[in-house]
N, C-alpha and C. Protein backbone atom coordinates (compact mmCIF):
# COMPACT_ATOMS: atom_id res chain seq x y z
N THR A 1 0.85 -1.18 0.00
CA THR A 1 0.00 0.00 0.00
C THR A 1 0.89 1.23 0.00
N ARG A 2 0.64 2.13 -0.94
CA ARG A 2 1.47 3.33 -1.05
C ARG A 2 0.60 4.57 -0.81
N ALA A 3 1.05 5.42 0.12
CA ALA A 3 0.37 6.68 0.40
C ALA A 3 1.26 7.83 -0.07
N ILE A 4 0.71 8.66 -0.96
CA ILE A 4 1.48 9.76 -1.54
C ILE A 4 0.76 11.08 -1.27
N ASN A 5 1.47 12.02 -0.68
CA ASN A 5 0.94 13.36 -0.44
C ASN A 5 1.32 14.26 -1.62
N LEU A 6 0.34 14.94 -2.19
CA LEU A 6 0.59 15.76 -3.37
C LEU A 6 1.33 17.04 -3.03
N GLU A 7 1.09 17.58 -1.84
CA GLU A 7 1.79 18.80 -1.46
C GLU A 7 3.23 18.48 -1.06
N ARG A 8 4.14 19.31 -1.53
CA ARG A 8 5.57 19.05 -1.29
C ARG A 8 5.91 19.09 0.19
N ARG A 9 5.29 20.00 0.92
CA ARG A 9 5.61 20.14 2.35
C ARG A 9 5.18 18.92 3.17
N ALA A 10 4.30 18.11 2.60
CA ALA A 10 3.84 16.92 3.32
C ALA A 10 4.45 15.64 2.78
N SER A 11 5.41 15.76 1.86
CA SER A 11 5.99 14.57 1.24
C SER A 11 6.75 13.69 2.23
N SER A 12 7.18 14.26 3.35
CA SER A 12 7.90 13.45 4.33
C SER A 12 7.01 12.38 4.95
N SER A 13 5.68 12.54 4.81
CA SER A 13 4.75 11.54 5.34
C SER A 13 4.37 10.48 4.31
N ASN A 14 4.95 10.56 3.10
CA ASN A 14 4.72 9.49 2.14
C ASN A 14 5.18 8.16 2.72
N SER A 15 4.42 7.11 2.50
CA SER A 15 4.78 5.82 3.10
C SER A 15 4.44 4.66 2.19
N ASP A 16 5.21 3.61 2.34
CA ASP A 16 4.96 2.33 1.67
C ASP A 16 4.78 1.27 2.76
N THR A 17 3.67 0.57 2.73
CA THR A 17 3.38 -0.46 3.73
C THR A 17 3.29 -1.82 3.05
N ARG A 18 4.10 -2.75 3.52
CA ARG A 18 4.08 -4.12 3.01
C ARG A 18 3.47 -5.01 4.10
N THR A 19 2.38 -5.68 3.74
CA THR A 19 1.62 -6.46 4.70
C THR A 19 1.67 -7.93 4.34
N TYR A 20 1.93 -8.75 5.35
CA TYR A 20 2.00 -10.20 5.16
C TYR A 20 1.07 -10.86 6.18
N ARG A 21 0.31 -11.85 5.74
CA ARG A 21 -0.63 -12.55 6.61
C ARG A 21 -0.52 -14.06 6.38
N GLY A 22 -0.66 -14.80 7.46
CA GLY A 22 -0.66 -16.26 7.35
C GLY A 22 -1.56 -16.86 8.41
N THR A 23 -2.39 -17.82 8.03
CA THR A 23 -3.30 -18.48 8.96
C THR A 23 -3.36 -19.96 8.63
N TRP A 24 -3.33 -20.78 9.65
CA TRP A 24 -3.51 -22.22 9.43
C TRP A 24 -4.37 -22.80 10.57
N VAL A 25 -5.21 -23.75 10.19
CA VAL A 25 -6.18 -24.34 11.12
C VAL A 25 -6.08 -25.85 11.05
N TRP A 26 -6.11 -26.49 12.22
CA TRP A 26 -6.17 -27.95 12.23
C TRP A 26 -7.27 -28.41 13.17
N ASN A 27 -7.85 -29.54 12.84
CA ASN A 27 -8.95 -30.12 13.60
C ASN A 27 -8.70 -31.61 13.76
N TYR A 28 -8.86 -32.09 15.01
CA TYR A 28 -8.55 -33.51 15.25
C TYR A 28 -9.56 -34.08 16.24
N ARG A 29 -10.07 -35.23 15.91
CA ARG A 29 -11.00 -35.93 16.80
C ARG A 29 -10.19 -36.85 17.70
N LEU A 30 -9.96 -36.40 18.93
CA LEU A 30 -9.13 -37.17 19.86
C LEU A 30 -9.82 -38.45 20.32
N LEU A 31 -11.08 -38.30 20.72
CA LEU A 31 -11.89 -39.44 21.15
C LEU A 31 -13.26 -39.32 20.48
N ARG A 32 -14.10 -40.27 20.75
CA ARG A 32 -15.42 -40.25 20.12
C ARG A 32 -16.19 -38.98 20.47
N GLY A 33 -16.07 -38.53 21.70
CA GLY A 33 -16.79 -37.34 22.13
C GLY A 33 -15.91 -36.15 22.41
N LEU A 34 -14.66 -36.15 21.92
CA LEU A 34 -13.73 -35.07 22.22
C LEU A 34 -13.03 -34.63 20.93
N THR A 35 -13.21 -33.36 20.58
CA THR A 35 -12.64 -32.81 19.36
C THR A 35 -11.79 -31.58 19.70
N ALA A 36 -10.61 -31.50 19.10
CA ALA A 36 -9.71 -30.37 19.31
C ALA A 36 -9.58 -29.58 18.01
N THR A 37 -9.64 -28.26 18.14
CA THR A 37 -9.49 -27.37 16.99
C THR A 37 -8.55 -26.24 17.37
N GLN A 38 -7.59 -25.94 16.51
CA GLN A 38 -6.65 -24.85 16.78
C GLN A 38 -6.48 -23.98 15.54
N THR A 39 -6.51 -22.67 15.78
CA THR A 39 -6.30 -21.70 14.72
C THR A 39 -5.07 -20.86 15.07
N ASN A 40 -4.10 -20.81 14.18
CA ASN A 40 -2.88 -20.03 14.37
C ASN A 40 -2.79 -18.97 13.29
N SER A 41 -2.33 -17.80 13.66
CA SER A 41 -2.20 -16.73 12.67
C SER A 41 -0.98 -15.88 12.99
N ILE A 42 -0.41 -15.33 11.94
CA ILE A 42 0.76 -14.46 12.07
C ILE A 42 0.61 -13.33 11.05
N SER A 43 1.02 -12.15 11.43
CA SER A 43 0.95 -11.02 10.52
C SER A 43 2.13 -10.10 10.76
N ALA A 44 2.50 -9.37 9.72
CA ALA A 44 3.60 -8.41 9.79
C ALA A 44 3.28 -7.23 8.89
N ASP A 45 3.46 -6.03 9.42
CA ASP A 45 3.27 -4.79 8.66
C ASP A 45 4.57 -3.99 8.67
N TYR A 46 5.23 -3.94 7.53
CA TYR A 46 6.46 -3.17 7.38
C TYR A 46 6.08 -1.81 6.78
N GLN A 47 6.36 -0.75 7.50
CA GLN A 47 6.01 0.59 7.03
C GLN A 47 7.29 1.40 6.81
N PHE A 48 7.48 1.87 5.57
CA PHE A 48 8.68 2.61 5.21
C PHE A 48 8.31 4.02 4.76
N TYR A 49 9.13 4.97 5.14
CA TYR A 49 8.96 6.37 4.73
C TYR A 49 10.14 6.74 3.83
N PRO A 50 9.93 6.83 2.51
CA PRO A 50 11.03 7.06 1.57
C PRO A 50 11.82 8.34 1.85
N PHE A 51 11.16 9.39 2.38
CA PHE A 51 11.84 10.66 2.61
C PHE A 51 12.09 10.95 4.09
N ASN A 52 11.85 9.94 4.93
CA ASN A 52 12.09 10.12 6.36
C ASN A 52 12.33 8.75 6.99
N ALA A 53 13.51 8.20 6.73
CA ALA A 53 13.82 6.82 7.14
C ALA A 53 13.80 6.62 8.64
N THR A 54 13.91 7.70 9.42
CA THR A 54 13.90 7.55 10.88
C THR A 54 12.54 7.09 11.40
N ARG A 55 11.52 7.15 10.57
CA ARG A 55 10.17 6.74 11.00
C ARG A 55 9.82 5.32 10.57
N ASN A 56 10.72 4.63 9.90
CA ASN A 56 10.44 3.26 9.47
C ASN A 56 10.12 2.38 10.68
N GLN A 57 9.10 1.55 10.56
CA GLN A 57 8.70 0.73 11.70
C GLN A 57 8.11 -0.60 11.25
N LEU A 58 7.98 -1.50 12.23
CA LEU A 58 7.48 -2.84 11.99
C LEU A 58 6.52 -3.22 13.11
N SER A 59 5.36 -3.75 12.74
CA SER A 59 4.38 -4.25 13.71
C SER A 59 4.13 -5.73 13.42
N LEU A 60 4.27 -6.55 14.45
CA LEU A 60 4.08 -8.00 14.32
C LEU A 60 2.92 -8.45 15.20
N SER A 61 2.35 -9.59 14.85
CA SER A 61 1.27 -10.16 15.65
C SER A 61 1.28 -11.67 15.50
N TYR A 62 1.26 -12.36 16.64
CA TYR A 62 1.17 -13.81 16.65
C TYR A 62 -0.01 -14.19 17.55
N SER A 63 -0.84 -15.10 17.11
CA SER A 63 -1.98 -15.51 17.94
C SER A 63 -2.32 -16.97 17.70
N THR A 64 -2.86 -17.58 18.75
CA THR A 64 -3.31 -18.96 18.67
C THR A 64 -4.60 -19.10 19.46
N ASP A 65 -5.51 -19.89 18.94
CA ASP A 65 -6.82 -20.11 19.55
C ASP A 65 -7.08 -21.60 19.56
N THR A 66 -7.12 -22.20 20.75
CA THR A 66 -7.28 -23.65 20.88
C THR A 66 -8.61 -23.94 21.57
N ARG A 67 -9.36 -24.87 21.00
CA ARG A 67 -10.66 -25.22 21.56
C ARG A 67 -10.79 -26.73 21.70
N LEU A 68 -11.38 -27.15 22.82
CA LEU A 68 -11.69 -28.55 23.07
C LEU A 68 -13.20 -28.65 23.29
N ALA A 69 -13.86 -29.46 22.50
CA ALA A 69 -15.30 -29.67 22.61
C ALA A 69 -15.54 -31.11 23.04
N ALA A 70 -16.13 -31.28 24.23
CA ALA A 70 -16.33 -32.61 24.78
C ALA A 70 -17.82 -32.87 24.99
N VAL A 71 -18.30 -33.96 24.43
CA VAL A 71 -19.66 -34.43 24.69
C VAL A 71 -19.53 -35.57 25.70
N VAL A 72 -19.64 -35.23 27.01
CA VAL A 72 -19.42 -36.21 28.06
C VAL A 72 -20.56 -37.22 28.07
N THR A 73 -21.79 -36.72 28.07
CA THR A 73 -23.00 -37.54 27.95
C THR A 73 -23.95 -36.79 27.02
N PRO A 74 -25.02 -37.43 26.59
CA PRO A 74 -25.98 -36.69 25.74
C PRO A 74 -26.54 -35.44 26.42
N ARG A 75 -26.45 -35.38 27.75
CA ARG A 75 -27.00 -34.23 28.48
C ARG A 75 -25.94 -33.26 28.98
N LEU A 76 -24.66 -33.63 28.89
CA LEU A 76 -23.59 -32.81 29.44
C LEU A 76 -22.55 -32.49 28.36
N ASN A 77 -22.37 -31.21 28.09
CA ASN A 77 -21.38 -30.74 27.11
C ASN A 77 -20.41 -29.78 27.79
N ILE A 78 -19.13 -29.89 27.44
CA ILE A 78 -18.10 -29.02 28.00
C ILE A 78 -17.24 -28.48 26.86
N ASP A 79 -17.13 -27.16 26.77
CA ASP A 79 -16.28 -26.51 25.77
C ASP A 79 -15.20 -25.71 26.50
N LEU A 80 -13.95 -25.94 26.13
CA LEU A 80 -12.81 -25.25 26.74
C LEU A 80 -12.06 -24.48 25.66
N ARG A 81 -11.72 -23.23 25.95
CA ARG A 81 -11.04 -22.38 24.97
C ARG A 81 -9.85 -21.68 25.62
N HIS A 82 -8.71 -21.72 24.93
CA HIS A 82 -7.51 -21.00 25.37
C HIS A 82 -7.00 -20.13 24.24
N THR A 83 -6.76 -18.87 24.52
CA THR A 83 -6.25 -17.94 23.51
C THR A 83 -4.96 -17.30 24.01
N ALA A 84 -4.07 -17.01 23.08
CA ALA A 84 -2.81 -16.35 23.41
C ALA A 84 -2.39 -15.51 22.21
N SER A 85 -1.92 -14.32 22.48
CA SER A 85 -1.45 -13.45 21.40
C SER A 85 -0.31 -12.57 21.90
N GLU A 86 0.57 -12.22 20.97
CA GLU A 86 1.68 -11.32 21.27
C GLU A 86 1.83 -10.34 20.12
N GLN A 87 2.01 -9.06 20.47
CA GLN A 87 2.09 -8.01 19.46
C GLN A 87 3.28 -7.09 19.74
N PRO A 88 4.47 -7.48 19.29
CA PRO A 88 5.64 -6.60 19.42
C PRO A 88 5.64 -5.54 18.32
N ARG A 89 6.23 -4.41 18.62
CA ARG A 89 6.32 -3.31 17.65
C ARG A 89 7.60 -2.54 17.90
N GLY A 90 8.18 -2.03 16.82
CA GLY A 90 9.42 -1.28 16.96
C GLY A 90 9.73 -0.46 15.74
N SER A 91 10.81 0.29 15.83
CA SER A 91 11.25 1.15 14.73
C SER A 91 12.66 0.76 14.32
N TYR A 92 13.05 1.19 13.12
CA TYR A 92 14.37 0.88 12.59
C TYR A 92 15.31 2.05 12.85
N THR A 93 16.54 1.71 13.21
CA THR A 93 17.57 2.71 13.46
C THR A 93 18.79 2.40 12.60
N VAL A 94 19.32 3.41 11.96
CA VAL A 94 20.52 3.24 11.12
C VAL A 94 21.76 3.43 11.98
N PHE A 95 22.62 2.42 12.02
CA PHE A 95 23.85 2.49 12.80
C PHE A 95 25.02 2.92 11.92
N GLY A 96 26.16 3.03 12.55
CA GLY A 96 27.35 3.52 11.85
C GLY A 96 27.78 2.66 10.68
N ASP A 97 27.44 1.38 10.68
CA ASP A 97 27.82 0.50 9.57
C ASP A 97 26.90 0.67 8.37
N GLY A 98 25.89 1.56 8.48
CA GLY A 98 24.99 1.80 7.36
C GLY A 98 23.80 0.88 7.30
N ASN A 99 23.76 -0.12 8.17
CA ASN A 99 22.62 -1.05 8.18
C ASN A 99 21.53 -0.58 9.14
N GLU A 100 20.30 -1.00 8.84
CA GLU A 100 19.17 -0.69 9.71
C GLU A 100 18.89 -1.86 10.65
N TYR A 101 18.65 -1.54 11.92
CA TYR A 101 18.37 -2.56 12.92
C TYR A 101 17.05 -2.23 13.61
N LEU A 102 16.28 -3.28 13.87
CA LEU A 102 14.99 -3.10 14.53
C LEU A 102 15.18 -2.99 16.03
N GLN A 103 14.61 -1.94 16.61
CA GLN A 103 14.61 -1.75 18.06
C GLN A 103 13.17 -1.77 18.55
N LEU A 104 12.84 -2.75 19.40
CA LEU A 104 11.48 -2.85 19.91
C LEU A 104 11.15 -1.67 20.81
N SER A 105 9.95 -1.14 20.65
CA SER A 105 9.50 -0.04 21.49
C SER A 105 8.48 -0.50 22.52
N ASP A 106 7.65 -1.47 22.17
CA ASP A 106 6.69 -2.00 23.14
C ASP A 106 6.24 -3.39 22.70
N ASP A 107 5.66 -4.12 23.66
CA ASP A 107 5.20 -5.48 23.41
C ASP A 107 3.95 -5.72 24.25
N ASN A 108 2.95 -6.26 23.63
CA ASN A 108 1.69 -6.51 24.32
C ASN A 108 1.34 -7.99 24.23
N LYS A 109 1.10 -8.63 25.40
CA LYS A 109 0.77 -10.05 25.45
C LYS A 109 -0.59 -10.22 26.12
N SER A 110 -1.41 -11.07 25.52
CA SER A 110 -2.75 -11.33 26.05
C SER A 110 -3.00 -12.83 26.11
N PHE A 111 -3.64 -13.25 27.20
CA PHE A 111 -3.96 -14.66 27.39
C PHE A 111 -5.41 -14.77 27.89
N GLY A 112 -6.07 -15.84 27.52
CA GLY A 112 -7.44 -16.06 27.97
C GLY A 112 -7.76 -17.53 28.12
N LEU A 113 -8.57 -17.84 29.13
CA LEU A 113 -9.01 -19.21 29.36
C LEU A 113 -10.48 -19.16 29.75
N SER A 114 -11.32 -19.83 28.99
CA SER A 114 -12.76 -19.80 29.27
C SER A 114 -13.35 -21.19 29.09
N THR A 115 -14.46 -21.42 29.79
CA THR A 115 -15.13 -22.71 29.76
C THR A 115 -16.64 -22.49 29.70
N SER A 116 -17.31 -23.34 28.97
CA SER A 116 -18.76 -23.35 28.96
C SER A 116 -19.22 -24.77 29.28
N ILE A 117 -19.94 -24.91 30.39
CA ILE A 117 -20.44 -26.21 30.84
C ILE A 117 -21.96 -26.18 30.80
N SER A 118 -22.53 -27.05 30.02
CA SER A 118 -23.98 -27.08 29.85
C SER A 118 -24.52 -28.45 30.24
N TYR A 119 -25.48 -28.45 31.17
CA TYR A 119 -26.10 -29.70 31.60
C TYR A 119 -27.62 -29.56 31.48
N ARG A 120 -28.22 -30.47 30.76
CA ARG A 120 -29.67 -30.42 30.52
C ARG A 120 -30.30 -31.70 31.07
N PRO A 121 -30.78 -31.66 32.33
CA PRO A 121 -31.40 -32.85 32.91
C PRO A 121 -32.73 -33.22 32.25
N SER A 122 -33.39 -32.23 31.62
CA SER A 122 -34.64 -32.50 30.92
C SER A 122 -34.77 -31.50 29.78
N THR A 123 -35.76 -31.71 28.93
CA THR A 123 -35.96 -30.79 27.81
C THR A 123 -36.42 -29.42 28.27
N ALA A 124 -36.92 -29.32 29.49
CA ALA A 124 -37.46 -28.06 29.99
C ALA A 124 -36.46 -27.27 30.83
N LEU A 125 -35.36 -27.88 31.22
CA LEU A 125 -34.44 -27.23 32.16
C LEU A 125 -33.00 -27.44 31.71
N ALA A 126 -32.20 -26.37 31.82
CA ALA A 126 -30.76 -26.44 31.48
C ALA A 126 -29.98 -25.60 32.47
N LEU A 127 -28.83 -26.11 32.88
CA LEU A 127 -27.90 -25.39 33.76
C LEU A 127 -26.64 -25.07 32.97
N VAL A 128 -26.22 -23.79 33.00
CA VAL A 128 -25.07 -23.35 32.21
C VAL A 128 -24.10 -22.59 33.12
N LEU A 129 -22.82 -22.99 33.07
CA LEU A 129 -21.76 -22.31 33.81
C LEU A 129 -20.72 -21.82 32.82
N THR A 130 -20.31 -20.55 32.95
CA THR A 130 -19.34 -19.98 32.00
C THR A 130 -18.28 -19.15 32.75
N PRO A 131 -17.30 -19.79 33.36
CA PRO A 131 -16.19 -19.04 33.96
C PRO A 131 -15.14 -18.68 32.90
N ASP A 132 -14.48 -17.54 33.08
CA ASP A 132 -13.38 -17.19 32.17
C ASP A 132 -12.38 -16.29 32.88
N TYR A 133 -11.15 -16.36 32.40
CA TYR A 133 -10.03 -15.61 32.99
C TYR A 133 -9.22 -14.98 31.86
N THR A 134 -8.85 -13.71 32.01
CA THR A 134 -8.04 -13.02 31.01
C THR A 134 -6.88 -12.32 31.70
N ALA A 135 -5.76 -12.25 31.00
CA ALA A 135 -4.57 -11.58 31.51
C ALA A 135 -3.92 -10.81 30.37
N ASN A 136 -3.44 -9.62 30.69
CA ASN A 136 -2.79 -8.78 29.69
C ASN A 136 -1.52 -8.20 30.29
N GLU A 137 -0.42 -8.30 29.53
CA GLU A 137 0.87 -7.78 29.97
C GLU A 137 1.41 -6.82 28.92
N ARG A 138 1.78 -5.64 29.35
CA ARG A 138 2.32 -4.65 28.42
C ARG A 138 3.69 -4.20 28.91
N SER A 139 4.64 -4.17 28.00
CA SER A 139 6.00 -3.75 28.35
C SER A 139 6.49 -2.74 27.32
N GLY A 140 7.43 -1.92 27.72
CA GLY A 140 8.03 -0.93 26.84
C GLY A 140 9.54 -0.99 26.92
N THR A 141 10.19 -0.18 26.11
CA THR A 141 11.65 -0.18 26.06
C THR A 141 12.16 1.21 26.41
N THR A 142 13.06 1.25 27.37
CA THR A 142 13.69 2.50 27.78
C THR A 142 15.20 2.35 27.67
N ASN A 143 15.82 3.17 26.79
CA ASN A 143 17.27 3.09 26.57
C ASN A 143 17.70 1.68 26.18
N GLY A 144 16.87 1.03 25.36
CA GLY A 144 17.22 -0.30 24.87
C GLY A 144 16.95 -1.43 25.84
N VAL A 145 16.38 -1.13 27.02
CA VAL A 145 16.10 -2.15 28.02
C VAL A 145 14.59 -2.32 28.14
N GLU A 146 14.12 -3.55 28.02
CA GLU A 146 12.68 -3.82 28.11
C GLU A 146 12.24 -3.83 29.57
N THR A 147 11.20 -3.08 29.88
CA THR A 147 10.66 -3.01 31.23
C THR A 147 9.14 -3.15 31.19
N LYS A 148 8.58 -3.70 32.26
CA LYS A 148 7.13 -3.84 32.35
C LYS A 148 6.48 -2.48 32.55
N GLN A 149 5.29 -2.31 31.96
CA GLN A 149 4.53 -1.08 32.13
C GLN A 149 3.21 -1.32 32.86
N ARG A 150 2.53 -2.42 32.52
CA ARG A 150 1.22 -2.64 33.13
C ARG A 150 0.82 -4.11 33.01
N ASP A 151 0.18 -4.63 34.06
CA ASP A 151 -0.41 -5.97 34.07
C ASP A 151 -1.88 -5.84 34.45
N ASP A 152 -2.73 -6.54 33.73
CA ASP A 152 -4.16 -6.56 34.04
C ASP A 152 -4.62 -8.00 34.18
N ARG A 153 -5.44 -8.25 35.21
CA ARG A 153 -6.01 -9.57 35.44
C ARG A 153 -7.52 -9.42 35.68
N ARG A 154 -8.28 -10.33 35.09
CA ARG A 154 -9.73 -10.27 35.25
C ARG A 154 -10.30 -11.68 35.26
N VAL A 155 -11.27 -11.92 36.16
CA VAL A 155 -11.95 -13.21 36.22
C VAL A 155 -13.45 -12.94 36.25
N ASN A 156 -14.18 -13.73 35.48
CA ASN A 156 -15.64 -13.63 35.43
C ASN A 156 -16.24 -15.01 35.65
N PHE A 157 -17.39 -15.03 36.30
CA PHE A 157 -18.09 -16.28 36.49
C PHE A 157 -19.59 -16.03 36.37
N THR A 158 -20.23 -16.77 35.49
CA THR A 158 -21.67 -16.65 35.30
C THR A 158 -22.29 -18.04 35.38
N GLY A 159 -23.28 -18.17 36.22
CA GLY A 159 -24.03 -19.41 36.32
C GLY A 159 -25.51 -19.11 36.17
N SER A 160 -26.21 -19.87 35.36
CA SER A 160 -27.61 -19.59 35.12
C SER A 160 -28.42 -20.87 34.93
N MET A 161 -29.70 -20.74 35.20
CA MET A 161 -30.65 -21.82 34.95
C MET A 161 -31.62 -21.32 33.88
N GLN A 162 -31.77 -22.09 32.82
CA GLN A 162 -32.63 -21.72 31.71
C GLN A 162 -33.85 -22.62 31.68
N LEU A 163 -35.01 -21.99 31.48
CA LEU A 163 -36.28 -22.71 31.56
C LEU A 163 -37.04 -22.62 30.24
N ASP A 164 -37.57 -23.73 29.80
CA ASP A 164 -38.41 -23.78 28.60
C ASP A 164 -39.49 -24.83 28.86
N LEU A 165 -40.57 -24.40 29.53
CA LEU A 165 -41.56 -25.34 30.05
C LEU A 165 -42.91 -25.13 29.36
N PRO A 166 -43.43 -26.15 28.69
CA PRO A 166 -44.76 -26.03 28.09
C PRO A 166 -45.85 -26.09 29.16
N ILE A 167 -46.88 -25.26 28.99
CA ILE A 167 -48.02 -25.23 29.90
C ILE A 167 -49.26 -25.61 29.11
N SER A 168 -49.76 -26.78 29.38
CA SER A 168 -50.86 -27.39 28.62
C SER A 168 -50.51 -27.38 27.14
N ARG A 169 -51.46 -27.17 26.27
CA ARG A 169 -51.19 -27.22 24.85
C ARG A 169 -50.97 -25.85 24.23
N LYS A 170 -51.34 -24.79 24.93
CA LYS A 170 -51.32 -23.47 24.33
C LYS A 170 -50.33 -22.50 24.97
N GLY A 171 -49.76 -22.88 26.09
CA GLY A 171 -48.87 -21.95 26.79
C GLY A 171 -47.45 -22.45 26.89
N ARG A 172 -46.57 -21.51 27.15
CA ARG A 172 -45.16 -21.86 27.34
C ARG A 172 -44.52 -20.83 28.27
N LEU A 173 -43.72 -21.32 29.21
CA LEU A 173 -43.00 -20.47 30.15
C LEU A 173 -41.50 -20.59 29.86
N THR A 174 -40.88 -19.47 29.52
CA THR A 174 -39.46 -19.45 29.21
C THR A 174 -38.76 -18.37 30.03
N GLY A 175 -37.43 -18.49 30.14
CA GLY A 175 -36.67 -17.48 30.85
C GLY A 175 -35.41 -18.05 31.45
N ARG A 176 -34.77 -17.22 32.25
CA ARG A 176 -33.52 -17.62 32.90
C ARG A 176 -33.33 -16.83 34.18
N ILE A 177 -32.57 -17.40 35.09
CA ILE A 177 -32.15 -16.72 36.29
C ILE A 177 -30.71 -17.11 36.55
N GLY A 178 -29.86 -16.12 36.86
CA GLY A 178 -28.45 -16.43 37.01
C GLY A 178 -27.72 -15.44 37.89
N ARG A 179 -26.50 -15.77 38.18
CA ARG A 179 -25.64 -14.95 39.01
C ARG A 179 -24.35 -14.65 38.25
N THR A 180 -23.91 -13.41 38.32
CA THR A 180 -22.70 -12.98 37.63
C THR A 180 -21.73 -12.36 38.64
N TYR A 181 -20.50 -12.87 38.60
CA TYR A 181 -19.45 -12.35 39.49
C TYR A 181 -18.26 -11.93 38.64
N SER A 182 -17.67 -10.78 38.95
CA SER A 182 -16.52 -10.27 38.20
C SER A 182 -15.53 -9.62 39.16
N ASP A 183 -14.25 -9.86 38.91
CA ASP A 183 -13.19 -9.29 39.74
C ASP A 183 -12.03 -8.88 38.83
N GLN A 184 -11.53 -7.67 39.00
CA GLN A 184 -10.47 -7.15 38.14
C GLN A 184 -9.48 -6.35 38.97
N ARG A 185 -8.20 -6.47 38.59
CA ARG A 185 -7.15 -5.70 39.26
C ARG A 185 -5.98 -5.53 38.31
N SER A 186 -5.29 -4.41 38.42
CA SER A 186 -4.16 -4.13 37.54
C SER A 186 -2.97 -3.64 38.36
N THR A 187 -1.79 -3.76 37.75
CA THR A 187 -0.55 -3.29 38.37
C THR A 187 0.17 -2.40 37.37
N SER A 188 0.48 -1.19 37.78
CA SER A 188 1.25 -0.25 36.95
C SER A 188 2.68 -0.18 37.47
N TYR A 189 3.64 -0.11 36.54
CA TYR A 189 5.05 -0.14 36.91
C TYR A 189 5.71 1.20 36.58
N THR A 190 6.47 1.70 37.54
CA THR A 190 7.28 2.90 37.35
C THR A 190 8.69 2.62 37.83
N SER A 191 9.65 2.67 36.91
CA SER A 191 11.05 2.35 37.24
C SER A 191 11.17 0.96 37.84
N GLY A 192 10.36 0.04 37.34
CA GLY A 192 10.43 -1.34 37.80
C GLY A 192 9.66 -1.62 39.08
N VAL A 193 9.05 -0.62 39.67
CA VAL A 193 8.30 -0.79 40.92
C VAL A 193 6.81 -0.83 40.60
N GLY A 194 6.14 -1.90 41.03
CA GLY A 194 4.73 -2.08 40.73
C GLY A 194 3.82 -1.44 41.76
N THR A 195 2.70 -0.89 41.29
CA THR A 195 1.69 -0.29 42.15
C THR A 195 0.35 -0.92 41.83
N LEU A 196 -0.28 -1.55 42.84
CA LEU A 196 -1.56 -2.21 42.64
C LEU A 196 -2.69 -1.19 42.63
N SER A 197 -3.63 -1.38 41.74
CA SER A 197 -4.81 -0.53 41.71
C SER A 197 -5.86 -1.10 42.66
N PRO A 198 -6.84 -0.30 43.07
CA PRO A 198 -7.94 -0.83 43.88
C PRO A 198 -8.68 -1.93 43.12
N ARG A 199 -9.13 -2.91 43.83
CA ARG A 199 -9.83 -4.03 43.21
C ARG A 199 -11.22 -3.59 42.77
N ALA A 200 -11.59 -3.95 41.54
CA ALA A 200 -12.92 -3.68 41.01
C ALA A 200 -13.71 -4.99 41.01
N GLU A 201 -14.75 -5.06 41.81
CA GLU A 201 -15.49 -6.31 42.00
C GLU A 201 -16.98 -6.05 41.89
N SER A 202 -17.69 -6.97 41.25
CA SER A 202 -19.14 -6.88 41.15
C SER A 202 -19.75 -8.27 41.31
N ASP A 203 -20.93 -8.31 41.91
CA ASP A 203 -21.61 -9.58 42.18
C ASP A 203 -23.11 -9.30 42.19
N PHE A 204 -23.84 -9.89 41.27
CA PHE A 204 -25.28 -9.59 41.21
C PHE A 204 -26.05 -10.75 40.58
N TRP A 205 -27.36 -10.74 40.85
CA TRP A 205 -28.28 -11.71 40.27
C TRP A 205 -29.13 -11.00 39.21
N ASN A 206 -29.53 -11.74 38.21
CA ASN A 206 -30.45 -11.21 37.21
C ASN A 206 -31.28 -12.34 36.64
N GLY A 207 -32.45 -11.99 36.14
CA GLY A 207 -33.33 -13.03 35.63
C GLY A 207 -34.45 -12.45 34.79
N ARG A 208 -35.13 -13.34 34.09
CA ARG A 208 -36.25 -12.94 33.23
C ARG A 208 -37.15 -14.15 33.02
N LEU A 209 -38.44 -13.93 33.14
CA LEU A 209 -39.43 -14.97 32.87
C LEU A 209 -40.46 -14.42 31.89
N GLU A 210 -40.86 -15.24 30.94
CA GLU A 210 -41.83 -14.82 29.94
C GLU A 210 -42.81 -15.96 29.70
N MET A 211 -44.09 -15.61 29.77
CA MET A 211 -45.13 -16.61 29.56
C MET A 211 -45.94 -16.20 28.32
N THR A 212 -46.10 -17.14 27.40
CA THR A 212 -46.89 -16.90 26.19
C THR A 212 -48.05 -17.86 26.13
N TRP A 213 -49.16 -17.38 25.55
CA TRP A 213 -50.36 -18.20 25.48
C TRP A 213 -51.04 -17.96 24.13
N ALA A 214 -51.33 -19.01 23.44
CA ALA A 214 -52.00 -18.91 22.13
C ALA A 214 -53.49 -19.12 22.31
N LEU A 215 -54.28 -18.14 21.86
CA LEU A 215 -55.74 -18.22 22.01
C LEU A 215 -56.35 -19.08 20.90
């Protein structure tokens, strides 16, 4: 992708961006009721400034998404998902030998683990649990030394009961009632010293019932 500014005074912002993408997916049936699926992707964006080489930069991204789907019994299903990604970024510097070298400026890492557990003891009732955990780490570079900048951690838990109950031949009662819990905390770093933020926590119940009747 080439961006060209027609005005001469803005020509220093002219840029050429070369983008590369790659994705591959595999799926494997481990057992009769257990299937694994993984998606991997990689990308790179090289951005060059023909009239201002000091701004040349590179952004990378690596990610993987792994899922396990288990049918334990006809009434019990469990899905497990793990995600991981890393996004380093940096600029190019010309050294005395005339060559350009990449110097990382920051790096962002994200991880996630989530589960969905569904149990249906009857056609009218289902129990669903969905816990998940996420973590994010961000680091920067100061004088060529990589240092941590911020860590974030979050956990969520949702449990609900879902209802789909027929009432005689003309009515139906549907809805759900559940509880949601969330907890989050972060750490900011200054000169290598971490400072914890106040904990952000929430815990509440919610629900909905709907009855329909056909005349």
